[in-house]
């Protein structure tokens, strides 16, 4: 049975990590000066690359952890710390925006990875897939992942319109709110990991 609560939780987590409104000005800066046709192509290439990377880790995450002898609680704490670093960057506005590179397809690097498919998103997806129970849970998680990448594509595809609507001040506001939500999620994830360590789980 489809779990709408799980869908919403995974979608919200990825939304505040990947930050489509905050990614919009970065996308515009990286693709500025290119023809509209090229910009539209990059708008779907970047989410496609991110989806591929995240899908790989979502499917093979458990095997990777077993090979490296890393427990789930350790991953939860590490992931929480990574999310907290991202949240602090969002809250303080200290994100390093990559400069435009004419000779490289920026949709692949740095947009697709590591800006979109960064460590925070990868860890969150691995944990979400691990904790999803049954086909309904798995369907909910993967639907949320797919929906998030559709949102990213729409945000980049219609970035010029989005900027005209919310302006720079709107982007800053959404980024700060995302940082606050993400910091709460990060602290909760660290607490859950420590609790599982104490109880000897994972």
N, C-alpha and C. Protein backbone atom coordinates (compact mmCIF):
# COMPACT_ATOMS: atom_id res chain seq x y z
N UNK A 1 0.84 -1.19 0.00
CA UNK A 1 0.00 0.00 0.00
C UNK A 1 0.88 1.25 0.00
N UNK A 2 0.52 2.21 -0.85
CA UNK A 2 1.33 3.42 -0.98
C UNK A 2 1.28 4.22 0.32
N UNK A 3 2.45 4.60 0.82
CA UNK A 3 2.58 5.35 2.09
C UNK A 3 2.79 6.83 1.77
N UNK A 4 1.72 7.62 1.88
CA UNK A 4 1.82 9.04 1.54
C UNK A 4 2.68 9.79 2.55
N UNK A 5 2.65 9.37 3.81
CA UNK A 5 3.47 10.03 4.83
C UNK A 5 4.95 9.83 4.53
N UNK A 6 5.33 8.61 4.15
CA UNK A 6 6.72 8.32 3.79
C UNK A 6 7.11 9.09 2.54
N UNK A 7 6.21 9.12 1.56
CA UNK A 7 6.46 9.89 0.33
C UNK A 7 6.74 11.34 0.67
N UNK A 8 5.90 11.94 1.50
CA UNK A 8 6.08 13.34 1.87
C UNK A 8 7.36 13.58 2.63
N UNK A 9 7.71 12.66 3.53
CA UNK A 9 8.92 12.81 4.33
C UNK A 9 10.18 12.77 3.46
N UNK A 10 10.25 11.78 2.56
CA UNK A 10 11.41 11.66 1.67
C UNK A 10 11.48 12.85 0.72
N UNK A 11 10.33 13.24 0.17
CA UNK A 11 10.30 14.36 -0.76
C UNK A 11 10.76 15.64 -0.08
N UNK A 12 10.26 15.90 1.13
CA UNK A 12 10.63 17.12 1.85
C UNK A 12 12.11 17.13 2.19
N UNK A 13 12.62 15.96 2.62
CA UNK A 13 14.04 15.88 2.95
C UNK A 13 14.91 16.19 1.73
N UNK A 14 14.58 15.58 0.60
CA UNK A 14 15.35 15.85 -0.62
C UNK A 14 15.16 17.28 -1.10
N UNK A 15 13.97 17.83 -0.89
CA UNK A 15 13.71 19.21 -1.33
C UNK A 15 14.62 20.20 -0.60
N UNK A 16 14.72 20.04 0.74
CA UNK A 16 15.53 20.99 1.49
C UNK A 16 17.01 20.76 1.26
N UNK A 17 17.40 19.52 0.89
CA UNK A 17 18.81 19.25 0.60
C UNK A 17 19.18 19.76 -0.79
N UNK A 18 18.39 19.41 -1.78
CA UNK A 18 18.69 19.78 -3.16
C UNK A 18 18.32 21.23 -3.47
N UNK A 19 17.34 21.77 -2.74
CA UNK A 19 17.02 23.19 -2.78
C UNK A 19 16.81 23.73 -4.20
N UNK A 20 15.73 23.33 -4.88
CA UNK A 20 15.48 23.83 -6.24
C UNK A 20 15.47 25.35 -6.37
N UNK A 21 14.81 26.12 -5.46
CA UNK A 21 14.86 27.58 -5.60
C UNK A 21 16.28 28.14 -5.49
N UNK A 22 17.06 27.59 -4.54
CA UNK A 22 18.44 28.06 -4.39
C UNK A 22 19.34 27.62 -5.52
N UNK A 23 18.98 26.50 -6.18
CA UNK A 23 19.78 26.00 -7.29
C UNK A 23 19.54 26.81 -8.57
N UNK A 24 18.38 27.48 -8.63
CA UNK A 24 18.01 28.21 -9.84
C UNK A 24 19.03 29.28 -10.24
N UNK A 25 19.42 30.19 -9.32
CA UNK A 25 20.42 31.20 -9.73
C UNK A 25 21.77 30.60 -10.09
N UNK A 26 22.13 29.47 -9.44
CA UNK A 26 23.39 28.81 -9.78
C UNK A 26 23.32 28.26 -11.20
N UNK A 27 22.18 27.65 -11.53
CA UNK A 27 21.98 27.12 -12.88
C UNK A 27 22.06 28.24 -13.91
N UNK A 28 21.42 29.36 -13.62
CA UNK A 28 21.45 30.49 -14.55
C UNK A 28 22.86 31.03 -14.72
N UNK A 29 23.61 31.09 -13.63
CA UNK A 29 24.98 31.59 -13.71
C UNK A 29 25.88 30.68 -14.51
N UNK A 30 25.68 29.36 -14.35
CA UNK A 30 26.53 28.40 -15.05
C UNK A 30 26.20 28.30 -16.54
N UNK A 31 24.96 28.56 -16.89
CA UNK A 31 24.53 28.38 -18.29
C UNK A 31 24.35 29.71 -19.01
N UNK A 32 24.65 30.80 -18.37
CA UNK A 32 24.45 32.11 -19.01
C UNK A 32 25.35 32.23 -20.24
N UNK A 33 24.85 32.90 -21.26
CA UNK A 33 25.60 33.09 -22.49
C UNK A 33 25.44 31.97 -23.48
N UNK A 34 24.82 30.89 -23.08
CA UNK A 34 24.58 29.78 -23.99
C UNK A 34 23.21 29.94 -24.66
N UNK A 35 23.02 29.36 -25.84
CA UNK A 35 21.72 29.44 -26.52
C UNK A 35 20.61 28.81 -25.67
N UNK A 36 19.39 29.27 -25.87
CA UNK A 36 18.26 28.76 -25.10
C UNK A 36 18.10 27.25 -25.27
N UNK A 37 18.40 26.76 -26.47
CA UNK A 37 18.28 25.32 -26.73
C UNK A 37 19.25 24.53 -25.86
N UNK A 38 20.46 25.05 -25.71
CA UNK A 38 21.47 24.39 -24.87
C UNK A 38 21.06 24.45 -23.40
N UNK A 39 20.52 25.58 -22.98
CA UNK A 39 20.06 25.71 -21.60
C UNK A 39 18.96 24.70 -21.28
N UNK A 40 18.04 24.53 -22.23
CA UNK A 40 16.95 23.58 -22.01
C UNK A 40 17.48 22.15 -21.93
N UNK A 41 18.50 21.84 -22.75
CA UNK A 41 19.09 20.51 -22.70
C UNK A 41 19.79 20.28 -21.36
N UNK A 42 20.51 21.27 -20.89
CA UNK A 42 21.20 21.14 -19.60
C UNK A 42 20.20 21.05 -18.45
N UNK A 43 19.01 21.64 -18.62
CA UNK A 43 18.00 21.63 -17.57
C UNK A 43 17.51 20.21 -17.28
N UNK A 44 17.52 19.33 -18.29
CA UNK A 44 17.12 17.95 -18.01
C UNK A 44 18.33 17.04 -17.81
N UNK A 45 19.49 17.42 -18.34
CA UNK A 45 20.67 16.58 -18.17
C UNK A 45 21.12 16.54 -16.70
N UNK A 46 21.10 17.69 -16.04
CA UNK A 46 21.57 17.76 -14.65
C UNK A 46 20.73 16.89 -13.72
N UNK A 47 19.39 17.01 -13.73
CA UNK A 47 18.59 16.10 -12.88
C UNK A 47 18.73 14.64 -13.27
N UNK A 48 18.92 14.37 -14.58
CA UNK A 48 19.07 12.98 -15.03
C UNK A 48 20.34 12.37 -14.46
N UNK A 49 21.43 13.12 -14.47
CA UNK A 49 22.70 12.64 -13.90
C UNK A 49 22.54 12.40 -12.40
N UNK A 50 21.91 13.37 -11.71
CA UNK A 50 21.70 13.24 -10.27
C UNK A 50 20.84 12.02 -9.95
N UNK A 51 19.79 11.80 -10.75
CA UNK A 51 18.91 10.65 -10.53
C UNK A 51 19.66 9.34 -10.72
N UNK A 52 20.53 9.29 -11.73
CA UNK A 52 21.32 8.09 -11.96
C UNK A 52 22.24 7.77 -10.80
N UNK A 53 22.93 8.79 -10.29
CA UNK A 53 23.85 8.59 -9.17
C UNK A 53 23.09 8.15 -7.92
N UNK A 54 21.98 8.83 -7.63
CA UNK A 54 21.21 8.52 -6.43
C UNK A 54 20.57 7.14 -6.54
N UNK A 55 20.11 6.76 -7.74
CA UNK A 55 19.54 5.44 -7.94
C UNK A 55 20.58 4.35 -7.69
N UNK A 56 21.79 4.58 -8.17
CA UNK A 56 22.87 3.61 -7.96
C UNK A 56 23.11 3.37 -6.48
N UNK A 57 23.21 4.46 -5.72
CA UNK A 57 23.45 4.32 -4.29
C UNK A 57 22.23 3.79 -3.56
N UNK A 58 21.04 4.14 -4.06
CA UNK A 58 19.83 3.63 -3.42
C UNK A 58 19.71 2.13 -3.56
N UNK A 59 20.10 1.60 -4.72
CA UNK A 59 19.99 0.17 -4.98
C UNK A 59 21.14 -0.61 -4.35
N UNK A 60 22.35 -0.07 -4.48
CA UNK A 60 23.55 -0.81 -4.04
C UNK A 60 24.09 -0.31 -2.70
N UNK A 61 23.37 0.58 -2.05
CA UNK A 61 23.87 1.17 -0.80
C UNK A 61 24.18 0.14 0.27
N UNK A 62 23.28 -0.83 0.45
CA UNK A 62 23.49 -1.86 1.48
C UNK A 62 24.73 -2.68 1.19
N UNK A 63 24.92 -3.05 -0.08
CA UNK A 63 26.10 -3.83 -0.45
C UNK A 63 27.39 -3.04 -0.23
N UNK A 64 27.33 -1.75 -0.54
CA UNK A 64 28.50 -0.90 -0.33
C UNK A 64 28.84 -0.82 1.15
N UNK A 65 27.81 -0.66 1.98
CA UNK A 65 28.03 -0.58 3.43
C UNK A 65 28.60 -1.89 3.97
N UNK A 66 28.04 -3.01 3.51
CA UNK A 66 28.54 -4.31 3.98
C UNK A 66 30.00 -4.52 3.58
N UNK A 67 30.33 -4.11 2.36
CA UNK A 67 31.71 -4.28 1.89
C UNK A 67 32.68 -3.44 2.72
N UNK A 68 32.26 -2.24 3.09
CA UNK A 68 33.12 -1.34 3.87
C UNK A 68 33.01 -1.58 5.37
N UNK A 69 32.12 -2.52 5.77
CA UNK A 69 31.90 -2.82 7.19
C UNK A 69 31.46 -1.58 7.97
N UNK A 70 30.54 -0.85 7.39
CA UNK A 70 29.99 0.35 8.02
C UNK A 70 28.57 0.05 8.47
N UNK A 71 28.26 0.32 9.73
CA UNK A 71 26.92 0.04 10.25
C UNK A 71 25.97 1.18 9.87
N UNK A 72 24.68 0.85 9.92
CA UNK A 72 23.67 1.86 9.62
C UNK A 72 23.69 3.01 10.63
N UNK A 73 23.81 2.74 11.95
CA UNK A 73 23.91 3.87 12.90
C UNK A 73 25.08 4.80 12.59
N UNK A 74 26.23 4.21 12.20
CA UNK A 74 27.38 5.05 11.85
C UNK A 74 27.06 5.91 10.65
N UNK A 75 26.38 5.33 9.67
CA UNK A 75 25.99 6.09 8.49
C UNK A 75 24.99 7.17 8.84
N UNK A 76 24.08 6.86 9.78
CA UNK A 76 23.08 7.85 10.19
C UNK A 76 23.75 9.06 10.84
N UNK A 77 24.70 8.80 11.73
CA UNK A 77 25.40 9.91 12.41
C UNK A 77 26.23 10.70 11.40
N UNK A 78 26.97 9.97 10.55
CA UNK A 78 27.79 10.66 9.54
C UNK A 78 26.90 11.47 8.60
N UNK A 79 25.79 10.86 8.17
CA UNK A 79 24.87 11.58 7.30
C UNK A 79 24.27 12.79 7.97
N UNK A 80 23.93 12.66 9.26
CA UNK A 80 23.40 13.80 9.99
C UNK A 80 24.39 14.94 10.09
N UNK A 81 25.66 14.59 10.30
CA UNK A 81 26.69 15.64 10.36
C UNK A 81 26.85 16.33 9.01
N UNK A 82 26.81 15.54 7.94
CA UNK A 82 26.89 16.13 6.60
C UNK A 82 25.71 17.04 6.33
N UNK A 83 24.51 16.59 6.71
CA UNK A 83 23.32 17.41 6.51
C UNK A 83 23.42 18.69 7.33
N UNK A 84 23.98 18.59 8.53
CA UNK A 84 24.11 19.77 9.38
C UNK A 84 25.05 20.79 8.76
N UNK A 85 26.12 20.31 8.13
CA UNK A 85 27.04 21.22 7.44
C UNK A 85 26.33 21.93 6.29
N UNK A 86 25.53 21.16 5.53
CA UNK A 86 24.77 21.77 4.43
C UNK A 86 23.79 22.78 4.98
N UNK A 87 23.12 22.43 6.09
CA UNK A 87 22.14 23.33 6.69
C UNK A 87 22.79 24.63 7.15
N UNK A 88 23.98 24.52 7.75
CA UNK A 88 24.68 25.73 8.21
C UNK A 88 25.05 26.62 7.03
N UNK A 89 25.46 25.99 5.92
CA UNK A 89 25.77 26.77 4.71
C UNK A 89 24.52 27.50 4.21
N UNK A 90 23.38 26.81 4.24
CA UNK A 90 22.14 27.43 3.77
C UNK A 90 21.73 28.57 4.69
N UNK A 91 21.90 28.37 6.00
CA UNK A 91 21.47 29.38 6.96
C UNK A 91 22.37 30.62 6.93
N UNK A 92 23.67 30.40 6.71
CA UNK A 92 24.61 31.52 6.74
C UNK A 92 24.89 32.12 5.37
N UNK A 93 24.40 31.44 4.32
CA UNK A 93 24.60 31.97 2.97
C UNK A 93 26.02 31.84 2.49
N UNK A 94 26.74 30.82 2.96
CA UNK A 94 28.15 30.66 2.59
C UNK A 94 28.37 29.59 1.52
N UNK A 95 27.31 29.31 0.74
CA UNK A 95 27.46 28.34 -0.35
C UNK A 95 28.47 28.83 -1.37
N UNK A 96 29.35 27.95 -1.79
CA UNK A 96 30.31 28.30 -2.83
C UNK A 96 29.68 28.03 -4.19
N UNK A 97 29.36 29.08 -4.91
CA UNK A 97 28.75 28.92 -6.22
C UNK A 97 29.84 28.73 -7.27
N UNK A 98 29.82 27.63 -7.97
CA UNK A 98 30.86 27.36 -8.95
C UNK A 98 30.83 28.34 -10.11
N UNK A 99 31.98 28.65 -10.61
CA UNK A 99 32.06 29.59 -11.71
C UNK A 99 31.78 28.90 -13.03
N UNK A 100 31.36 29.68 -13.98
CA UNK A 100 31.00 29.14 -15.30
C UNK A 100 32.22 28.61 -16.03
N UNK A 101 32.07 27.48 -16.67
CA UNK A 101 33.15 26.89 -17.45
C UNK A 101 32.63 26.57 -18.84
N UNK A 102 33.15 27.24 -19.84
CA UNK A 102 32.64 27.10 -21.19
C UNK A 102 33.00 25.76 -21.82
N UNK A 103 34.14 25.17 -21.42
CA UNK A 103 34.62 23.98 -22.09
C UNK A 103 34.10 22.68 -21.48
N UNK A 104 33.29 22.77 -20.43
CA UNK A 104 32.80 21.59 -19.75
C UNK A 104 31.29 21.61 -19.72
N UNK A 105 30.67 20.44 -19.86
CA UNK A 105 29.22 20.35 -19.73
C UNK A 105 28.87 20.48 -18.25
N UNK A 106 28.47 21.66 -17.83
CA UNK A 106 28.21 21.91 -16.42
C UNK A 106 26.99 21.16 -15.91
N UNK A 107 26.17 20.62 -16.81
CA UNK A 107 25.02 19.83 -16.39
C UNK A 107 25.48 18.53 -15.72
N UNK A 108 26.66 18.04 -16.13
CA UNK A 108 27.20 16.82 -15.54
C UNK A 108 27.97 17.13 -14.26
N UNK A 109 28.94 17.99 -14.36
CA UNK A 109 29.75 18.46 -13.23
C UNK A 109 29.91 19.97 -13.37
N UNK A 110 29.54 20.77 -12.38
CA UNK A 110 29.19 20.37 -11.01
C UNK A 110 27.70 20.26 -10.72
N UNK A 111 26.81 20.56 -11.69
CA UNK A 111 25.38 20.57 -11.38
C UNK A 111 24.85 19.19 -10.99
N UNK A 112 25.01 18.20 -11.90
CA UNK A 112 24.48 16.87 -11.61
C UNK A 112 25.10 16.28 -10.36
N UNK A 113 26.41 16.37 -10.27
CA UNK A 113 27.15 15.91 -9.11
C UNK A 113 28.38 16.81 -8.97
N UNK A 114 28.64 17.42 -7.82
CA UNK A 114 28.06 17.09 -6.51
C UNK A 114 26.96 18.04 -6.01
N UNK A 115 26.56 19.05 -6.81
CA UNK A 115 25.59 19.99 -6.28
C UNK A 115 24.23 19.34 -6.01
N UNK A 116 23.73 18.55 -6.96
CA UNK A 116 22.43 17.90 -6.76
C UNK A 116 22.59 16.56 -6.05
N UNK A 117 23.36 15.66 -6.63
CA UNK A 117 23.61 14.35 -6.00
C UNK A 117 24.81 14.45 -5.08
N UNK A 118 24.65 15.23 -4.04
CA UNK A 118 25.72 15.41 -3.07
C UNK A 118 25.65 14.36 -1.97
N UNK A 119 26.60 14.41 -1.03
CA UNK A 119 26.62 13.40 0.04
C UNK A 119 25.35 13.39 0.88
N UNK A 120 24.79 14.55 1.13
CA UNK A 120 23.57 14.61 1.94
C UNK A 120 22.42 13.87 1.29
N UNK A 121 22.21 14.13 0.00
CA UNK A 121 21.13 13.46 -0.73
C UNK A 121 21.38 11.97 -0.84
N UNK A 122 22.62 11.57 -1.10
CA UNK A 122 22.95 10.16 -1.24
C UNK A 122 22.70 9.40 0.06
N UNK A 123 23.17 9.96 1.17
CA UNK A 123 22.98 9.31 2.47
C UNK A 123 21.50 9.22 2.82
N UNK A 124 20.75 10.28 2.55
CA UNK A 124 19.32 10.29 2.85
C UNK A 124 18.58 9.22 2.06
N UNK A 125 18.95 9.05 0.79
CA UNK A 125 18.29 8.04 -0.05
C UNK A 125 18.64 6.63 0.42
N UNK A 126 19.90 6.39 0.74
CA UNK A 126 20.29 5.07 1.24
C UNK A 126 19.49 4.71 2.48
N UNK A 127 19.38 5.65 3.41
CA UNK A 127 18.66 5.38 4.65
C UNK A 127 17.18 5.20 4.41
N UNK A 128 16.61 6.01 3.50
CA UNK A 128 15.18 5.90 3.21
C UNK A 128 14.86 4.55 2.60
N UNK A 129 15.70 4.09 1.66
CA UNK A 129 15.48 2.79 1.03
C UNK A 129 15.64 1.67 2.05
N UNK A 130 16.62 1.83 2.97
CA UNK A 130 16.87 0.81 4.00
C UNK A 130 15.66 0.63 4.91
N UNK A 131 15.01 1.75 5.24
CA UNK A 131 13.94 1.71 6.24
C UNK A 131 12.56 1.56 5.62
N UNK A 132 12.45 1.51 4.31
CA UNK A 132 11.15 1.34 3.64
C UNK A 132 10.74 -0.13 3.72
N UNK A 133 9.54 -0.37 4.22
CA UNK A 133 9.08 -1.75 4.41
C UNK A 133 8.12 -2.15 3.29
N UNK A 134 8.38 -3.28 2.67
CA UNK A 134 7.48 -3.83 1.67
C UNK A 134 7.50 -3.05 0.37
N UNK A 135 6.69 -3.55 -0.58
CA UNK A 135 6.64 -2.90 -1.89
C UNK A 135 6.02 -1.51 -1.80
N UNK A 136 5.05 -1.36 -0.90
CA UNK A 136 4.42 -0.05 -0.75
C UNK A 136 5.40 1.01 -0.29
N UNK A 137 6.24 0.64 0.69
CA UNK A 137 7.25 1.58 1.18
C UNK A 137 8.29 1.91 0.13
N UNK A 138 8.76 0.88 -0.59
CA UNK A 138 9.74 1.11 -1.64
C UNK A 138 9.16 2.00 -2.75
N UNK A 139 7.90 1.71 -3.12
CA UNK A 139 7.25 2.52 -4.15
C UNK A 139 7.13 3.97 -3.71
N UNK A 140 6.82 4.19 -2.43
CA UNK A 140 6.69 5.55 -1.90
C UNK A 140 8.01 6.29 -1.97
N UNK A 141 9.10 5.60 -1.57
CA UNK A 141 10.42 6.24 -1.56
C UNK A 141 10.87 6.58 -2.99
N UNK A 142 10.77 5.62 -3.90
CA UNK A 142 11.25 5.86 -5.26
C UNK A 142 10.35 6.85 -6.00
N UNK A 143 9.08 6.88 -5.66
CA UNK A 143 8.18 7.89 -6.25
C UNK A 143 8.59 9.28 -5.79
N UNK A 144 8.95 9.41 -4.51
CA UNK A 144 9.39 10.70 -3.99
C UNK A 144 10.69 11.14 -4.65
N UNK A 145 11.60 10.20 -4.86
CA UNK A 145 12.87 10.51 -5.52
C UNK A 145 12.62 10.99 -6.96
N UNK A 146 11.77 10.26 -7.68
CA UNK A 146 11.45 10.65 -9.05
C UNK A 146 10.76 12.00 -9.10
N UNK A 147 9.80 12.22 -8.18
CA UNK A 147 9.07 13.49 -8.15
C UNK A 147 10.01 14.65 -7.86
N UNK A 148 10.98 14.42 -6.98
CA UNK A 148 11.93 15.48 -6.65
C UNK A 148 12.75 15.88 -7.86
N UNK A 149 13.14 14.91 -8.66
CA UNK A 149 13.94 15.22 -9.84
C UNK A 149 13.11 15.87 -10.94
N UNK A 150 11.82 15.57 -10.97
CA UNK A 150 10.93 16.29 -11.89
C UNK A 150 10.83 17.75 -11.48
N UNK A 151 10.73 17.99 -10.16
CA UNK A 151 10.69 19.37 -9.66
C UNK A 151 11.98 20.10 -10.00
N UNK A 152 13.11 19.42 -9.85
CA UNK A 152 14.40 20.04 -10.20
C UNK A 152 14.43 20.41 -11.69
N UNK A 153 13.94 19.50 -12.53
CA UNK A 153 13.91 19.78 -13.96
C UNK A 153 13.02 20.99 -14.26
N UNK A 154 11.85 21.03 -13.65
CA UNK A 154 10.93 22.16 -13.87
C UNK A 154 11.55 23.47 -13.38
N UNK A 155 12.22 23.41 -12.22
CA UNK A 155 12.84 24.62 -11.67
C UNK A 155 13.91 25.16 -12.61
N UNK A 156 14.71 24.27 -13.18
CA UNK A 156 15.76 24.72 -14.09
C UNK A 156 15.19 25.09 -15.46
N UNK A 157 14.22 24.32 -15.91
CA UNK A 157 13.62 24.58 -17.23
C UNK A 157 12.95 25.95 -17.27
N UNK A 158 12.28 26.31 -16.20
CA UNK A 158 11.56 27.58 -16.16
C UNK A 158 12.21 28.55 -15.17
N UNK A 159 13.54 28.46 -15.08
CA UNK A 159 14.28 29.26 -14.10
C UNK A 159 14.12 30.77 -14.33
N UNK A 160 14.11 31.19 -15.58
CA UNK A 160 13.97 32.62 -15.85
C UNK A 160 12.65 33.14 -15.31
N UNK A 161 11.58 32.37 -15.50
CA UNK A 161 10.27 32.78 -14.99
C UNK A 161 10.26 32.77 -13.47
N UNK A 162 10.89 31.74 -12.86
CA UNK A 162 10.92 31.64 -11.40
C UNK A 162 11.62 32.84 -10.79
N UNK A 163 12.74 33.23 -11.37
CA UNK A 163 13.48 34.38 -10.86
C UNK A 163 12.65 35.65 -10.94
N UNK A 164 11.87 35.80 -12.04
CA UNK A 164 11.03 36.99 -12.18
C UNK A 164 9.92 37.01 -11.14
N UNK A 165 9.47 35.83 -10.71
CA UNK A 165 8.36 35.76 -9.76
C UNK A 165 8.82 35.98 -8.33
N UNK A 166 9.82 35.21 -7.88
CA UNK A 166 10.20 35.27 -6.46
C UNK A 166 11.34 36.26 -6.19
N UNK A 167 12.00 36.71 -7.22
CA UNK A 167 13.10 37.67 -7.08
C UNK A 167 14.23 37.08 -6.23
N UNK A 168 15.33 37.83 -6.13
CA UNK A 168 16.48 37.37 -5.35
C UNK A 168 16.14 37.23 -3.87
N UNK A 169 15.32 38.16 -3.37
CA UNK A 169 14.93 38.10 -1.96
C UNK A 169 14.15 36.84 -1.65
N UNK A 170 13.31 36.40 -2.55
CA UNK A 170 12.54 35.18 -2.36
C UNK A 170 13.43 33.96 -2.32
N UNK A 171 14.44 33.93 -3.18
CA UNK A 171 15.39 32.81 -3.19
C UNK A 171 16.12 32.73 -1.85
N UNK A 172 16.55 33.88 -1.35
CA UNK A 172 17.26 33.92 -0.06
C UNK A 172 16.35 33.44 1.06
N UNK A 173 15.10 33.88 1.06
CA UNK A 173 14.16 33.48 2.11
C UNK A 173 13.92 31.98 2.10
N UNK A 174 13.66 31.41 0.93
CA UNK A 174 13.41 29.97 0.83
C UNK A 174 14.66 29.19 1.24
N UNK A 175 15.83 29.69 0.87
CA UNK A 175 17.07 29.02 1.23
C UNK A 175 17.26 28.99 2.74
N UNK A 176 16.97 30.11 3.42
CA UNK A 176 17.10 30.17 4.88
C UNK A 176 16.11 29.22 5.56
N UNK A 177 14.87 29.20 5.07
CA UNK A 177 13.87 28.31 5.64
C UNK A 177 14.27 26.85 5.43
N UNK A 178 14.80 26.54 4.25
CA UNK A 178 15.27 25.19 3.96
C UNK A 178 16.39 24.80 4.91
N UNK A 179 17.29 25.74 5.18
CA UNK A 179 18.40 25.48 6.10
C UNK A 179 17.91 25.16 7.50
N UNK A 180 16.88 25.89 7.94
CA UNK A 180 16.34 25.66 9.28
C UNK A 180 15.70 24.27 9.37
N UNK A 181 14.91 23.91 8.36
CA UNK A 181 14.28 22.59 8.34
C UNK A 181 15.33 21.49 8.26
N UNK A 182 16.32 21.69 7.43
CA UNK A 182 17.35 20.68 7.24
C UNK A 182 18.17 20.48 8.51
N UNK A 183 18.43 21.57 9.25
CA UNK A 183 19.19 21.45 10.50
C UNK A 183 18.42 20.60 11.51
N UNK A 184 17.09 20.78 11.56
CA UNK A 184 16.27 19.97 12.47
C UNK A 184 16.31 18.50 12.07
N UNK A 185 16.21 18.23 10.76
CA UNK A 185 16.28 16.85 10.26
C UNK A 185 17.65 16.25 10.59
N UNK A 186 18.72 17.04 10.44
CA UNK A 186 20.07 16.55 10.70
C UNK A 186 20.25 16.18 12.17
N UNK A 187 19.78 17.04 13.06
CA UNK A 187 19.91 16.77 14.50
C UNK A 187 19.12 15.52 14.87
N UNK A 188 17.92 15.38 14.32
CA UNK A 188 17.12 14.19 14.60
C UNK A 188 17.80 12.92 14.09
N UNK A 189 18.44 13.02 12.92
CA UNK A 189 19.12 11.85 12.35
C UNK A 189 20.32 11.46 13.20
N UNK A 190 21.06 12.45 13.70
CA UNK A 190 22.19 12.17 14.59
C UNK A 190 21.70 11.52 15.87
N UNK A 191 20.60 12.06 16.44
CA UNK A 191 20.05 11.50 17.67
C UNK A 191 19.58 10.06 17.46
N UNK A 192 18.94 9.79 16.32
CA UNK A 192 18.50 8.43 16.03
C UNK A 192 19.68 7.47 15.90
N UNK A 193 20.76 7.95 15.25
CA UNK A 193 21.95 7.11 15.10
C UNK A 193 22.60 6.80 16.43
N UNK A 194 22.70 7.81 17.30
CA UNK A 194 23.30 7.60 18.62
C UNK A 194 22.44 6.63 19.44
N UNK A 195 21.12 6.78 19.34
CA UNK A 195 20.21 5.89 20.06
C UNK A 195 20.41 4.44 19.61
N UNK A 196 20.56 4.23 18.31
CA UNK A 196 20.76 2.87 17.80
C UNK A 196 22.12 2.32 18.22
N UNK A 197 23.13 3.21 18.32
CA UNK A 197 24.43 2.78 18.83
C UNK A 197 24.30 2.27 20.26
N UNK A 198 23.57 3.03 21.10
CA UNK A 198 23.41 2.69 22.49
C UNK A 198 22.70 1.35 22.67
N UNK A 199 21.71 1.13 21.81
CA UNK A 199 20.92 -0.10 21.91
C UNK A 199 21.54 -1.25 21.11
N UNK A 200 22.69 -0.97 20.47
CA UNK A 200 23.40 -2.03 19.75
C UNK A 200 22.70 -2.50 18.51
N UNK A 201 21.95 -1.61 17.84
CA UNK A 201 21.25 -1.98 16.62
C UNK A 201 22.13 -1.70 15.41
N UNK A 202 21.83 -2.38 14.27
CA UNK A 202 22.54 -2.12 13.02
C UNK A 202 23.92 -2.68 12.99
